[in-house]
Amino acid sequence: MSSFRYAMLTLLAREPLSGYDIKQQMNSRMGPFWKAGSNQIYPELAKMDEEGLVVLHEVEQNDYRPARKVYRITESGQQELIRWTTEPTEPEIIRDEFLLKAYNSWLVESEQMIPSLEEKKKEHEEKLTIYLDKVNELKEMLNPSNSRDPILSSMSVVEFGIEYEKLYIKWCTNLIERLKNSFNESS
């Protein structure tokens, strides 16, 4: 089963959702580490329904709109998600186009690379601010006496994002300083 399907089961294990809600939550809750296209969601939900991992419920609306289709994880889906969650994973390969460009920075003059690094640093500072706000929001929602509170898992992933952003900012800062120093020495 694809990681994308597990990402959907992850959300459905927390609460029943429509396909639209799944896309919205993937972009907001999981946005820092997982993206989904809407054209993937509905075909996968249909397959998971056929396989008994989720079940579709139609919820009547109070007006003339059609019934809302809401998916709920089944016991079988929950067991599959638990099995997948505890199995080992392969090491991740980082594919970052900007790192590839930085790898080639020796080909250009220092003053040509510095603006790109400053812009990249700014992007990561903005993401860091978002993550810090998010972790504070999650802390308010957390039930500290419940080690199985899903908010605890969410918070830990956002905290990972915070550390990643700090590392990227530090890397940009260090490289900018090195390039500025080499530029000053050569002039």
N, C-alpha and C. Protein backbone atom coordinates (compact mmCIF):
# COMPACT_ATOMS: atom_id res chain seq x y z
N MET A 1 0.85 -1.17 0.00
CA MET A 1 0.00 0.00 0.00
C MET A 1 0.90 1.23 0.00
N SER A 2 0.48 2.27 -0.70
CA SER A 2 1.30 3.48 -0.83
C SER A 2 1.27 4.32 0.44
N SER A 3 2.32 5.12 0.61
CA SER A 3 2.39 6.04 1.75
C SER A 3 1.24 7.02 1.72
N PHE A 4 0.80 7.39 0.53
CA PHE A 4 -0.31 8.32 0.41
C PHE A 4 -1.57 7.76 1.08
N ARG A 5 -1.82 6.47 0.89
CA ARG A 5 -3.00 5.85 1.51
C ARG A 5 -2.86 5.85 3.03
N TYR A 6 -1.65 5.63 3.52
CA TYR A 6 -1.43 5.68 4.98
C TYR A 6 -1.62 7.09 5.50
N ALA A 7 -1.24 8.08 4.70
CA ALA A 7 -1.46 9.47 5.12
C ALA A 7 -2.96 9.74 5.29
N MET A 8 -3.76 9.22 4.38
CA MET A 8 -5.22 9.40 4.51
C MET A 8 -5.76 8.64 5.72
N LEU A 9 -5.29 7.40 5.91
CA LEU A 9 -5.73 6.63 7.09
C LEU A 9 -5.33 7.34 8.38
N THR A 10 -4.16 7.99 8.37
CA THR A 10 -3.70 8.73 9.53
C THR A 10 -4.71 9.79 9.94
N LEU A 11 -5.22 10.53 8.96
CA LEU A 11 -6.22 11.56 9.26
C LEU A 11 -7.54 10.94 9.68
N LEU A 12 -7.94 9.88 8.99
CA LEU A 12 -9.23 9.24 9.30
C LEU A 12 -9.22 8.53 10.65
N ALA A 13 -8.04 8.16 11.14
CA ALA A 13 -7.95 7.54 12.47
C ALA A 13 -8.29 8.56 13.56
N ARG A 14 -8.13 9.83 13.25
CA ARG A 14 -8.42 10.89 14.22
C ARG A 14 -9.89 11.29 14.20
N GLU A 15 -10.50 11.28 12.99
CA GLU A 15 -11.91 11.66 12.88
C GLU A 15 -12.42 11.33 11.48
N PRO A 16 -13.72 11.07 11.34
CA PRO A 16 -14.29 10.86 10.00
C PRO A 16 -14.21 12.16 9.19
N LEU A 17 -13.92 12.01 7.89
CA LEU A 17 -13.73 13.19 7.02
C LEU A 17 -14.26 12.93 5.63
N SER A 18 -14.63 14.00 4.95
CA SER A 18 -14.96 13.91 3.52
C SER A 18 -13.65 13.97 2.73
N GLY A 19 -13.72 13.66 1.44
CA GLY A 19 -12.53 13.77 0.60
C GLY A 19 -11.99 15.20 0.59
N TYR A 20 -12.89 16.17 0.54
CA TYR A 20 -12.49 17.57 0.57
C TYR A 20 -11.77 17.89 1.88
N ASP A 21 -12.32 17.41 3.01
CA ASP A 21 -11.70 17.64 4.32
C ASP A 21 -10.31 17.01 4.39
N ILE A 22 -10.16 15.83 3.79
CA ILE A 22 -8.85 15.16 3.79
C ILE A 22 -7.83 16.04 3.07
N LYS A 23 -8.21 16.57 1.90
CA LYS A 23 -7.29 17.44 1.15
C LYS A 23 -6.94 18.68 1.97
N GLN A 24 -7.93 19.30 2.59
CA GLN A 24 -7.69 20.50 3.39
C GLN A 24 -6.75 20.19 4.56
N GLN A 25 -6.98 19.08 5.24
CA GLN A 25 -6.14 18.74 6.39
C GLN A 25 -4.75 18.32 5.98
N MET A 26 -4.63 17.67 4.82
CA MET A 26 -3.28 17.33 4.34
C MET A 26 -2.49 18.59 4.07
N ASN A 27 -3.18 19.61 3.54
CA ASN A 27 -2.50 20.86 3.23
C ASN A 27 -2.23 21.70 4.47
N SER A 28 -3.05 21.56 5.50
CA SER A 28 -2.82 22.37 6.71
C SER A 28 -2.08 21.58 7.78
N ARG A 29 -2.68 20.51 8.27
CA ARG A 29 -2.05 19.73 9.35
C ARG A 29 -0.77 19.04 8.90
N MET A 30 -0.81 18.45 7.71
CA MET A 30 0.32 17.67 7.24
C MET A 30 1.18 18.44 6.26
N GLY A 31 0.80 19.66 5.95
CA GLY A 31 1.49 20.47 4.95
C GLY A 31 2.99 20.53 5.09
N PRO A 32 3.50 20.64 6.32
CA PRO A 32 4.96 20.72 6.46
C PRO A 32 5.71 19.49 5.96
N PHE A 33 5.04 18.34 5.93
CA PHE A 33 5.77 17.13 5.55
C PHE A 33 5.05 16.26 4.54
N TRP A 34 3.84 16.64 4.12
CA TRP A 34 3.10 15.80 3.18
C TRP A 34 2.15 16.65 2.36
N LYS A 35 2.17 16.49 1.05
CA LYS A 35 1.26 17.19 0.15
C LYS A 35 0.47 16.17 -0.66
N ALA A 36 -0.73 16.57 -1.04
CA ALA A 36 -1.57 15.67 -1.84
C ALA A 36 -2.29 16.46 -2.90
N GLY A 37 -2.43 15.86 -4.06
CA GLY A 37 -3.25 16.43 -5.11
C GLY A 37 -4.66 15.90 -4.98
N SER A 38 -5.65 16.72 -5.27
CA SER A 38 -7.04 16.29 -5.10
C SER A 38 -7.41 15.16 -6.05
N ASN A 39 -6.71 15.03 -7.17
CA ASN A 39 -7.02 13.96 -8.11
C ASN A 39 -6.61 12.59 -7.58
N GLN A 40 -5.82 12.54 -6.52
CA GLN A 40 -5.40 11.27 -5.93
C GLN A 40 -6.39 10.78 -4.89
N ILE A 41 -7.05 11.68 -4.21
CA ILE A 41 -7.81 11.35 -3.01
C ILE A 41 -9.00 10.44 -3.30
N TYR A 42 -9.87 10.85 -4.20
CA TYR A 42 -11.11 10.10 -4.40
C TYR A 42 -10.90 8.69 -4.97
N PRO A 43 -10.00 8.51 -5.95
CA PRO A 43 -9.77 7.13 -6.41
C PRO A 43 -9.20 6.23 -5.30
N GLU A 44 -8.32 6.77 -4.48
CA GLU A 44 -7.74 5.97 -3.38
C GLU A 44 -8.78 5.66 -2.32
N LEU A 45 -9.64 6.63 -2.01
CA LEU A 45 -10.71 6.37 -1.04
C LEU A 45 -11.63 5.26 -1.54
N ALA A 46 -11.96 5.27 -2.83
CA ALA A 46 -12.82 4.23 -3.40
C ALA A 46 -12.16 2.86 -3.27
N LYS A 47 -10.86 2.79 -3.55
CA LYS A 47 -10.14 1.51 -3.43
C LYS A 47 -10.09 1.05 -1.97
N MET A 48 -9.83 2.00 -1.06
CA MET A 48 -9.76 1.62 0.36
C MET A 48 -11.12 1.19 0.88
N ASP A 49 -12.20 1.77 0.33
CA ASP A 49 -13.55 1.36 0.70
C ASP A 49 -13.79 -0.08 0.23
N GLU A 50 -13.40 -0.38 -1.01
CA GLU A 50 -13.53 -1.74 -1.55
C GLU A 50 -12.73 -2.75 -0.72
N GLU A 51 -11.57 -2.33 -0.22
CA GLU A 51 -10.70 -3.22 0.55
C GLU A 51 -11.11 -3.32 2.02
N GLY A 52 -12.11 -2.55 2.43
CA GLY A 52 -12.59 -2.61 3.81
C GLY A 52 -11.75 -1.83 4.80
N LEU A 53 -10.89 -0.93 4.31
CA LEU A 53 -10.06 -0.13 5.21
C LEU A 53 -10.81 1.11 5.71
N VAL A 54 -11.74 1.59 4.90
CA VAL A 54 -12.60 2.71 5.28
C VAL A 54 -14.03 2.36 4.89
N VAL A 55 -14.97 3.08 5.46
CA VAL A 55 -16.36 2.92 5.09
C VAL A 55 -16.95 4.30 4.81
N LEU A 56 -17.79 4.36 3.78
CA LEU A 56 -18.40 5.61 3.35
C LEU A 56 -19.77 5.76 4.01
N HIS A 57 -20.02 6.94 4.56
CA HIS A 57 -21.34 7.27 5.11
C HIS A 57 -21.82 8.53 4.41
N GLU A 58 -23.09 8.54 4.04
CA GLU A 58 -23.65 9.76 3.46
C GLU A 58 -24.40 10.49 4.55
N VAL A 59 -24.05 11.74 4.74
CA VAL A 59 -24.65 12.56 5.79
C VAL A 59 -25.57 13.58 5.11
N GLU A 60 -26.85 13.50 5.46
CA GLU A 60 -27.83 14.42 4.87
C GLU A 60 -27.54 15.84 5.32
N GLN A 61 -27.73 16.79 4.40
CA GLN A 61 -27.52 18.21 4.70
C GLN A 61 -28.88 18.85 4.97
N ASN A 62 -28.89 19.99 5.64
CA ASN A 62 -30.14 20.66 6.01
C ASN A 62 -30.77 21.46 4.88
N ASP A 63 -30.12 21.58 3.76
CA ASP A 63 -30.69 22.34 2.66
C ASP A 63 -30.78 21.45 1.43
N TYR A 64 -30.80 22.06 0.26
CA TYR A 64 -30.99 21.31 -0.98
C TYR A 64 -29.71 20.71 -1.54
N ARG A 65 -28.63 20.86 -0.82
CA ARG A 65 -27.36 20.29 -1.29
C ARG A 65 -27.41 18.77 -1.19
N PRO A 66 -26.63 18.10 -2.04
CA PRO A 66 -26.59 16.63 -1.95
C PRO A 66 -25.97 16.18 -0.63
N ALA A 67 -26.23 14.93 -0.29
CA ALA A 67 -25.67 14.36 0.94
C ALA A 67 -24.15 14.47 0.91
N ARG A 68 -23.57 14.71 2.06
CA ARG A 68 -22.11 14.83 2.21
C ARG A 68 -21.54 13.43 2.40
N LYS A 69 -20.51 13.09 1.63
CA LYS A 69 -19.87 11.78 1.72
C LYS A 69 -18.73 11.86 2.73
N VAL A 70 -18.86 11.14 3.82
CA VAL A 70 -17.86 11.15 4.89
C VAL A 70 -17.31 9.74 5.03
N TYR A 71 -15.99 9.65 5.13
CA TYR A 71 -15.30 8.37 5.28
C TYR A 71 -14.85 8.20 6.72
N ARG A 72 -14.95 6.95 7.19
CA ARG A 72 -14.52 6.61 8.54
C ARG A 72 -13.60 5.40 8.42
N ILE A 73 -12.52 5.38 9.20
CA ILE A 73 -11.61 4.24 9.20
C ILE A 73 -12.31 3.05 9.86
N THR A 74 -12.09 1.87 9.33
CA THR A 74 -12.66 0.65 9.92
C THR A 74 -11.66 0.05 10.90
N GLU A 75 -12.08 -0.96 11.63
CA GLU A 75 -11.16 -1.67 12.54
C GLU A 75 -10.00 -2.26 11.73
N SER A 76 -10.32 -2.81 10.57
CA SER A 76 -9.28 -3.37 9.69
C SER A 76 -8.31 -2.28 9.24
N GLY A 77 -8.84 -1.10 8.89
CA GLY A 77 -7.99 0.02 8.50
C GLY A 77 -7.11 0.49 9.65
N GLN A 78 -7.68 0.50 10.85
CA GLN A 78 -6.92 0.91 12.04
C GLN A 78 -5.79 -0.09 12.31
N GLN A 79 -6.08 -1.38 12.19
CA GLN A 79 -5.05 -2.39 12.42
C GLN A 79 -3.94 -2.30 11.37
N GLU A 80 -4.31 -2.03 10.12
CA GLU A 80 -3.31 -1.87 9.05
C GLU A 80 -2.44 -0.65 9.32
N LEU A 81 -3.04 0.43 9.79
CA LEU A 81 -2.30 1.65 10.11
C LEU A 81 -1.34 1.40 11.28
N ILE A 82 -1.78 0.68 12.29
CA ILE A 82 -0.92 0.34 13.43
C ILE A 82 0.26 -0.51 12.97
N ARG A 83 -0.03 -1.51 12.12
CA ARG A 83 1.04 -2.38 11.61
C ARG A 83 2.07 -1.54 10.85
N TRP A 84 1.60 -0.67 9.95
CA TRP A 84 2.49 0.16 9.15
C TRP A 84 3.29 1.13 10.02
N THR A 85 2.64 1.71 11.03
CA THR A 85 3.29 2.70 11.90
C THR A 85 4.49 2.11 12.63
N THR A 86 4.42 0.85 12.96
CA THR A 86 5.50 0.24 13.74
C THR A 86 6.55 -0.50 12.91
N GLU A 87 6.38 -0.55 11.60
CA GLU A 87 7.39 -1.23 10.79
C GLU A 87 8.53 -0.28 10.43
N PRO A 88 9.74 -0.81 10.24
CA PRO A 88 10.89 0.05 9.91
C PRO A 88 10.71 0.73 8.56
N THR A 89 11.36 1.87 8.39
CA THR A 89 11.31 2.58 7.11
C THR A 89 12.72 2.69 6.53
N GLU A 90 12.77 2.91 5.23
CA GLU A 90 14.05 3.12 4.55
C GLU A 90 14.54 4.53 4.88
N PRO A 91 15.85 4.73 4.90
CA PRO A 91 16.37 6.09 5.12
C PRO A 91 15.88 7.04 4.01
N GLU A 92 15.54 8.26 4.40
CA GLU A 92 15.05 9.26 3.45
C GLU A 92 16.20 9.84 2.65
N ILE A 93 15.92 10.16 1.42
CA ILE A 93 16.85 10.87 0.57
C ILE A 93 16.33 12.29 0.44
N ILE A 94 17.16 13.26 0.80
CA ILE A 94 16.74 14.65 0.71
C ILE A 94 16.92 15.11 -0.74
N ARG A 95 15.85 15.62 -1.31
CA ARG A 95 15.91 16.19 -2.66
C ARG A 95 15.53 17.65 -2.54
N ASP A 96 16.52 18.49 -2.46
CA ASP A 96 16.33 19.92 -2.29
C ASP A 96 17.07 20.62 -3.41
N GLU A 97 16.33 21.20 -4.33
CA GLU A 97 16.94 21.85 -5.48
C GLU A 97 17.91 22.96 -5.07
N PHE A 98 17.58 23.67 -4.01
CA PHE A 98 18.46 24.75 -3.58
C PHE A 98 19.80 24.20 -3.08
N LEU A 99 19.79 23.06 -2.40
CA LEU A 99 21.06 22.46 -1.97
C LEU A 99 21.91 22.07 -3.17
N LEU A 100 21.26 21.61 -4.22
CA LEU A 100 22.00 21.27 -5.45
C LEU A 100 22.63 22.53 -6.04
N LYS A 101 21.89 23.63 -6.01
CA LYS A 101 22.45 24.90 -6.49
C LYS A 101 23.61 25.34 -5.62
N ALA A 102 23.47 25.21 -4.31
CA ALA A 102 24.55 25.60 -3.39
C ALA A 102 25.78 24.73 -3.63
N TYR A 103 25.56 23.48 -4.00
CA TYR A 103 26.66 22.57 -4.30
C TYR A 103 27.49 23.10 -5.49
N ASN A 104 26.83 23.87 -6.34
CA ASN A 104 27.50 24.45 -7.51
C ASN A 104 27.90 25.90 -7.29
N SER A 105 27.81 26.39 -6.08
CA SER A 105 28.09 27.81 -5.82
C SER A 105 29.54 28.19 -6.11
N TRP A 106 30.42 27.23 -6.16
CA TRP A 106 31.82 27.51 -6.48
C TRP A 106 31.98 28.03 -7.90
N LEU A 107 30.95 27.82 -8.74
CA LEU A 107 31.02 28.25 -10.14
C LEU A 107 30.71 29.74 -10.34
N VAL A 108 30.11 30.37 -9.32
CA VAL A 108 29.69 31.77 -9.46
C VAL A 108 30.41 32.64 -8.45
N GLU A 109 30.41 33.93 -8.69
CA GLU A 109 31.00 34.87 -7.74
C GLU A 109 30.15 34.89 -6.47
N SER A 110 30.81 35.07 -5.34
CA SER A 110 30.14 35.07 -4.04
C SER A 110 28.96 36.03 -4.00
N GLU A 111 29.14 37.22 -4.53
CA GLU A 111 28.07 38.22 -4.47
C GLU A 111 26.85 37.83 -5.31
N GLN A 112 27.01 36.88 -6.22
CA GLN A 112 25.87 36.39 -6.99
C GLN A 112 25.06 35.36 -6.21
N MET A 113 25.70 34.64 -5.32
CA MET A 113 25.03 33.58 -4.56
C MET A 113 24.36 34.11 -3.29
N ILE A 114 24.92 35.14 -2.71
CA ILE A 114 24.43 35.66 -1.41
C ILE A 114 22.95 36.06 -1.45
N PRO A 115 22.47 36.78 -2.48
CA PRO A 115 21.04 37.13 -2.47
C PRO A 115 20.10 35.92 -2.46
N SER A 116 20.47 34.86 -3.16
CA SER A 116 19.65 33.64 -3.15
C SER A 116 19.64 33.01 -1.77
N LEU A 117 20.79 33.00 -1.13
CA LEU A 117 20.88 32.45 0.23
C LEU A 117 20.08 33.28 1.22
N GLU A 118 20.13 34.59 1.07
CA GLU A 118 19.36 35.46 1.97
C GLU A 118 17.86 35.25 1.78
N GLU A 119 17.44 35.07 0.53
CA GLU A 119 16.02 34.81 0.25
C GLU A 119 15.59 33.46 0.82
N LYS A 120 16.43 32.46 0.65
CA LYS A 120 16.12 31.12 1.18
C LYS A 120 16.06 31.17 2.70
N LYS A 121 16.97 31.89 3.31
CA LYS A 121 16.97 32.05 4.77
C LYS A 121 15.66 32.70 5.23
N LYS A 122 15.24 33.72 4.52
CA LYS A 122 13.99 34.41 4.86
C LYS A 122 12.78 33.46 4.75
N GLU A 123 12.75 32.63 3.70
CA GLU A 123 11.67 31.64 3.54
C GLU A 123 11.60 30.73 4.77
N HIS A 124 12.76 30.26 5.20
CA HIS A 124 12.79 29.34 6.33
C HIS A 124 12.49 30.05 7.65
N GLU A 125 12.83 31.30 7.76
CA GLU A 125 12.46 32.07 8.96
C GLU A 125 10.94 32.23 9.04
N GLU A 126 10.31 32.44 7.88
CA GLU A 126 8.84 32.55 7.84
C GLU A 126 8.19 31.23 8.22
N LYS A 127 8.71 30.12 7.70
CA LYS A 127 8.18 28.79 8.06
C LYS A 127 8.37 28.53 9.56
N LEU A 128 9.52 28.92 10.09
CA LEU A 128 9.80 28.74 11.51
C LEU A 128 8.75 29.47 12.35
N THR A 129 8.43 30.68 11.97
CA THR A 129 7.42 31.45 12.69
C THR A 129 6.08 30.73 12.68
N ILE A 130 5.70 30.20 11.53
CA ILE A 130 4.44 29.45 11.41
C ILE A 130 4.46 28.23 12.33
N TYR A 131 5.56 27.48 12.32
CA TYR A 131 5.66 26.29 13.16
C TYR A 131 5.64 26.62 14.65
N LEU A 132 6.31 27.70 15.03
CA LEU A 132 6.31 28.10 16.44
C LEU A 132 4.89 28.47 16.89
N ASP A 133 4.16 29.19 16.03
CA ASP A 133 2.76 29.51 16.35
C ASP A 133 1.92 28.24 16.45
N LYS A 134 2.15 27.31 15.53
CA LYS A 134 1.38 26.07 15.51
C LYS A 134 1.65 25.23 16.76
N VAL A 135 2.90 25.12 17.18
CA VAL A 135 3.21 24.32 18.36
C VAL A 135 2.60 24.95 19.61
N ASN A 136 2.56 26.28 19.67
CA ASN A 136 1.91 26.93 20.81
C ASN A 136 0.40 26.67 20.81
N GLU A 137 -0.19 26.68 19.62
CA GLU A 137 -1.62 26.36 19.48
C GLU A 137 -1.89 24.92 19.94
N LEU A 138 -1.03 24.01 19.52
CA LEU A 138 -1.20 22.60 19.91
C LEU A 138 -1.02 22.40 21.41
N LYS A 139 -0.08 23.12 22.00
CA LYS A 139 0.14 23.01 23.45
C LYS A 139 -1.13 23.37 24.22
N GLU A 140 -1.87 24.34 23.70
CA GLU A 140 -3.13 24.75 24.34
C GLU A 140 -4.18 23.64 24.27
N MET A 141 -4.11 22.84 23.22
CA MET A 141 -5.10 21.78 23.00
C MET A 141 -4.71 20.46 23.67
N LEU A 142 -3.46 20.31 24.04
CA LEU A 142 -2.92 19.05 24.54
C LEU A 142 -3.47 18.69 25.91
N ASN A 143 -3.82 17.43 26.06
CA ASN A 143 -4.20 16.88 27.36
C ASN A 143 -2.95 16.20 27.92
N PRO A 144 -2.21 16.86 28.83
CA PRO A 144 -0.91 16.33 29.28
C PRO A 144 -1.01 15.00 30.03
N SER A 145 -2.19 14.66 30.53
CA SER A 145 -2.32 13.41 31.28
C SER A 145 -2.62 12.21 30.37
N ASN A 146 -2.76 12.45 29.06
CA ASN A 146 -3.09 11.38 28.12
C ASN A 146 -1.96 11.18 27.13
N SER A 147 -1.15 10.14 27.32
CA SER A 147 -0.01 9.89 26.43
C SER A 147 -0.47 9.44 25.04
N ARG A 148 -1.73 9.09 24.88
CA ARG A 148 -2.25 8.66 23.58
C ARG A 148 -3.06 9.76 22.89
N ASP A 149 -2.94 10.98 23.38
CA ASP A 149 -3.61 12.11 22.76
C ASP A 149 -2.98 12.35 21.39
N PRO A 150 -3.76 12.35 20.30
CA PRO A 150 -3.18 12.57 18.96
C PRO A 150 -2.48 13.92 18.84
N ILE A 151 -2.83 14.86 19.68
CA ILE A 151 -2.18 16.18 19.64
C ILE A 151 -0.69 16.03 19.97
N LEU A 152 -0.35 15.10 20.86
CA LEU A 152 1.05 14.87 21.22
C LEU A 152 1.86 14.46 19.98
N SER A 153 1.29 13.57 19.17
CA SER A 153 1.97 13.16 17.93
C SER A 153 2.10 14.32 16.97
N SER A 154 1.03 15.09 16.83
CA SER A 154 1.07 16.26 15.94
C SER A 154 2.14 17.24 16.39
N MET A 155 2.18 17.47 17.70
CA MET A 155 3.14 18.42 18.25
C MET A 155 4.57 17.96 18.00
N SER A 156 4.83 16.68 18.12
CA SER A 156 6.19 16.18 17.93
C SER A 156 6.64 16.37 16.49
N VAL A 157 5.74 16.23 15.53
CA VAL A 157 6.10 16.42 14.12
C VAL A 157 6.35 17.90 13.84
N VAL A 158 5.54 18.78 14.43
CA VAL A 158 5.76 20.22 14.25
C VAL A 158 7.08 20.63 14.90
N GLU A 159 7.40 20.05 16.05
CA GLU A 159 8.68 20.33 16.70
C GLU A 159 9.85 19.89 15.83
N PHE A 160 9.69 18.77 15.12
CA PHE A 160 10.71 18.36 14.16
C PHE A 160 10.87 19.44 13.09
N GLY A 161 9.74 19.96 12.59
CA GLY A 161 9.77 21.04 11.60
C GLY A 161 10.50 22.26 12.12
N ILE A 162 10.30 22.59 13.39
CA ILE A 162 10.98 23.73 14.01
C ILE A 162 12.49 23.52 13.98
N GLU A 163 12.93 22.34 14.39
CA GLU A 163 14.37 22.05 14.39
C GLU A 163 14.95 22.05 12.99
N TYR A 164 14.20 21.53 12.03
CA TYR A 164 14.65 21.53 10.63
C TYR A 164 14.83 22.96 10.13
N GLU A 165 13.85 23.82 10.41
CA GLU A 165 13.93 25.22 9.97
C GLU A 165 15.11 25.92 10.63
N LYS A 166 15.32 25.68 11.91
CA LYS A 166 16.47 26.29 12.61
C LYS A 166 17.78 25.85 11.96
N LEU A 167 17.87 24.58 11.63
CA LEU A 167 19.08 24.06 10.99
C LEU A 167 19.30 24.71 9.63
N TYR A 168 18.25 24.83 8.83
CA TYR A 168 18.37 25.42 7.51
C TYR A 168 18.79 26.89 7.62
N ILE A 169 18.20 27.61 8.58
CA ILE A 169 18.55 29.02 8.80
C ILE A 169 20.01 29.14 9.20
N LYS A 170 20.44 28.28 10.10
CA LYS A 170 21.85 28.30 10.55
C LYS A 170 22.79 28.01 9.38
N TRP A 171 22.43 27.02 8.56
CA TRP A 171 23.25 26.68 7.40
C TRP A 171 23.35 27.87 6.44
N CYS A 172 22.21 28.52 6.15
CA CYS A 172 22.22 29.70 5.27
C CYS A 172 23.10 30.80 5.86
N THR A 173 22.92 31.06 7.14
CA THR A 173 23.70 32.11 7.82
C THR A 173 25.19 31.82 7.72
N ASN A 174 25.59 30.59 8.00
CA ASN A 174 27.01 30.22 7.93
C ASN A 174 27.57 30.36 6.53
N LEU A 175 26.82 29.92 5.53
CA LEU A 175 27.32 30.00 4.16
C LEU A 175 27.39 31.47 3.69
N ILE A 176 26.40 32.26 4.07
CA ILE A 176 26.44 33.69 3.73
C ILE A 176 27.70 34.32 4.31
N GLU A 177 27.98 34.02 5.58
CA GLU A 177 29.18 34.59 6.22
C GLU A 177 30.45 34.13 5.52
N ARG A 178 30.54 32.86 5.18
CA ARG A 178 31.72 32.36 4.48
C ARG A 178 31.90 33.06 3.14
N LEU A 179 30.79 33.19 2.41
CA LEU A 179 30.88 33.84 1.10
C LEU A 179 31.24 35.31 1.23
N LYS A 180 30.68 35.99 2.23
CA LYS A 180 31.03 37.40 2.45
C LYS A 180 32.51 37.54 2.81
N ASN A 181 32.99 36.64 3.66
CA ASN A 181 34.41 36.67 4.03
C ASN A 181 35.31 36.41 2.84
N SER A 182 34.95 35.45 2.00
CA SER A 182 35.78 35.15 0.83
C SER A 182 35.71 36.29 -0.18
N PHE A 183 34.55 36.96 -0.27
CA PHE A 183 34.41 38.11 -1.16
C PHE A 183 35.28 39.26 -0.66
N ASN A 184 35.26 39.51 0.66
CA ASN A 184 36.07 40.59 1.24
C ASN A 184 37.57 40.33 1.10
N GLU A 185 37.95 39.05 1.24
CA GLU A 185 39.37 38.71 1.11
C GLU A 185 39.88 38.86 -0.32
N SER A 186 39.00 38.60 -1.29
CA SER A 186 39.44 38.67 -2.69
C SER A 186 39.38 40.09 -3.27
N SER A 187 38.72 41.02 -2.56
CA SER A 187 38.65 42.39 -3.11
C SER A 187 39.70 43.31 -2.55
